[in-house]
């Protein structure tokens, strides 16, 4: 994964991954929140396989969304993965 990559390439990959997490978060909550006004309660933590996941609440002009990342599957046909649940509060 890191073998053969320079420090700059690893940094750029990390920045891109962080941007993708934020963009995904915005797409998932905007139907509930509308324009986001506060996401200071969102926390990054390690999920399954050490991947970074986001959990917490996002406040917008039209509502509040609760974001919860859970592990799912891992039995029979479905492999273990992270499912992101978004609920209106």
Protein backbone atom coordinates (compact mmCIF):
# COMPACT_ATOMS: atom_id res chain seq x y z
CA UNK A 1 0.00 0.00 0.00
CA UNK A 2 2.71 2.48 0.98
CA UNK A 3 5.61 0.63 -0.57
CA UNK A 4 7.03 2.57 -3.46
CA UNK A 5 5.19 5.80 -2.57
CA UNK A 6 6.88 9.00 -1.54
CA UNK A 7 5.84 10.90 1.58
CA UNK A 8 4.18 13.48 -0.69
CA UNK A 9 2.16 10.79 -2.50
CA UNK A 10 1.01 9.31 0.82
CA UNK A 11 0.03 12.79 2.05
CA UNK A 12 -1.89 13.52 -1.16
CA UNK A 13 -3.74 10.18 -0.86
CA UNK A 14 -4.71 11.04 2.73
CA UNK A 15 -5.96 14.50 1.72
CA UNK A 16 -8.03 12.97 -1.10
CA UNK A 17 -9.52 10.37 1.27
CA UNK A 18 -10.48 13.08 3.76
CA UNK A 19 -12.12 15.17 1.04
CA UNK A 20 -14.07 12.11 -0.16
CA UNK A 21 -15.36 11.46 3.39
CA UNK A 22 -16.59 15.06 3.66
CA UNK A 23 -18.24 15.04 0.23
CA UNK A 24 -19.97 11.74 1.07
CA UNK A 25 -21.16 13.20 4.38
CA UNK A 26 -22.65 16.24 2.64
CA UNK A 27 -24.52 14.08 0.10
CA UNK A 28 -25.90 11.85 2.85
CA UNK A 29 -27.23 14.60 5.15
CA UNK A 30 -28.34 17.40 2.85
CA UNK A 31 -31.88 16.04 2.30
CA UNK A 32 -32.44 16.32 6.05
CA UNK A 33 -30.40 19.41 6.91
CA UNK A 34 -30.59 21.57 3.80
CA UNK A 35 -27.75 24.07 3.93
CA UNK A 36 -25.31 22.93 6.62
CA UNK A 37 -24.71 25.48 9.37
CA UNK A 38 -22.76 23.41 11.94
CA UNK A 39 -20.95 20.09 11.83
CA UNK A 40 -18.72 20.60 14.85
CA UNK A 41 -20.22 17.46 16.49
CA UNK A 42 -18.92 15.14 13.74
CA UNK A 43 -16.05 12.95 14.92
CA UNK A 44 -13.69 10.75 12.93
CA UNK A 45 -12.93 7.33 14.36
CA UNK A 46 -11.54 3.98 13.22
CA UNK A 47 -14.09 1.64 11.73
CA UNK A 48 -13.83 -1.93 10.45
CA UNK A 49 -10.43 -2.68 8.99
CA UNK A 50 -9.03 0.55 10.40
CA UNK A 51 -10.82 2.73 7.84
CA UNK A 52 -11.87 6.15 9.04
CA UNK A 53 -15.60 6.66 9.61
CA UNK A 54 -17.63 9.71 10.66
CA UNK A 55 -20.18 9.79 13.50
CA UNK A 56 -22.13 12.59 15.17
CA UNK A 57 -24.70 15.26 14.31
CA UNK A 58 -24.95 17.80 11.54
CA UNK A 59 -27.15 20.88 11.92
CA UNK A 60 -28.66 22.69 8.98
CA UNK A 61 -31.25 25.32 8.18
CA UNK A 62 -33.94 22.66 7.65
CA UNK A 63 -33.12 20.10 10.36
CA UNK A 64 -30.62 18.03 12.30
CA UNK A 65 -29.14 14.75 11.05
CA UNK A 66 -27.58 12.06 13.21
CA UNK A 67 -24.81 10.13 11.42
CA UNK A 68 -23.94 6.67 12.74
CA UNK A 69 -21.45 4.27 11.13
CA UNK A 70 -22.01 0.62 12.04
CA UNK A 71 -20.56 -2.71 10.99
CA UNK A 72 -22.94 -4.90 9.01
CA UNK A 73 -22.91 -8.26 7.30
CA UNK A 74 -20.07 -10.65 7.88
CA UNK A 75 -22.25 -13.74 7.78
CA UNK A 76 -23.09 -16.23 5.07
CA UNK A 77 -23.13 -14.40 1.71
CA UNK A 78 -22.58 -10.79 2.71
CA UNK A 79 -19.06 -9.77 3.71
CA UNK A 80 -18.39 -7.51 6.68
CA UNK A 81 -18.69 -3.83 5.73
CA UNK A 82 -19.47 -0.41 7.18
CA UNK A 83 -23.01 0.93 6.81
CA UNK A 84 -23.67 4.62 7.40
CA UNK A 85 -27.06 5.39 8.91
CA UNK A 86 -28.46 8.91 8.72
CA UNK A 87 -31.51 9.78 10.80
CA UNK A 88 -33.46 12.99 11.24
CA UNK A 89 -33.59 14.26 14.82
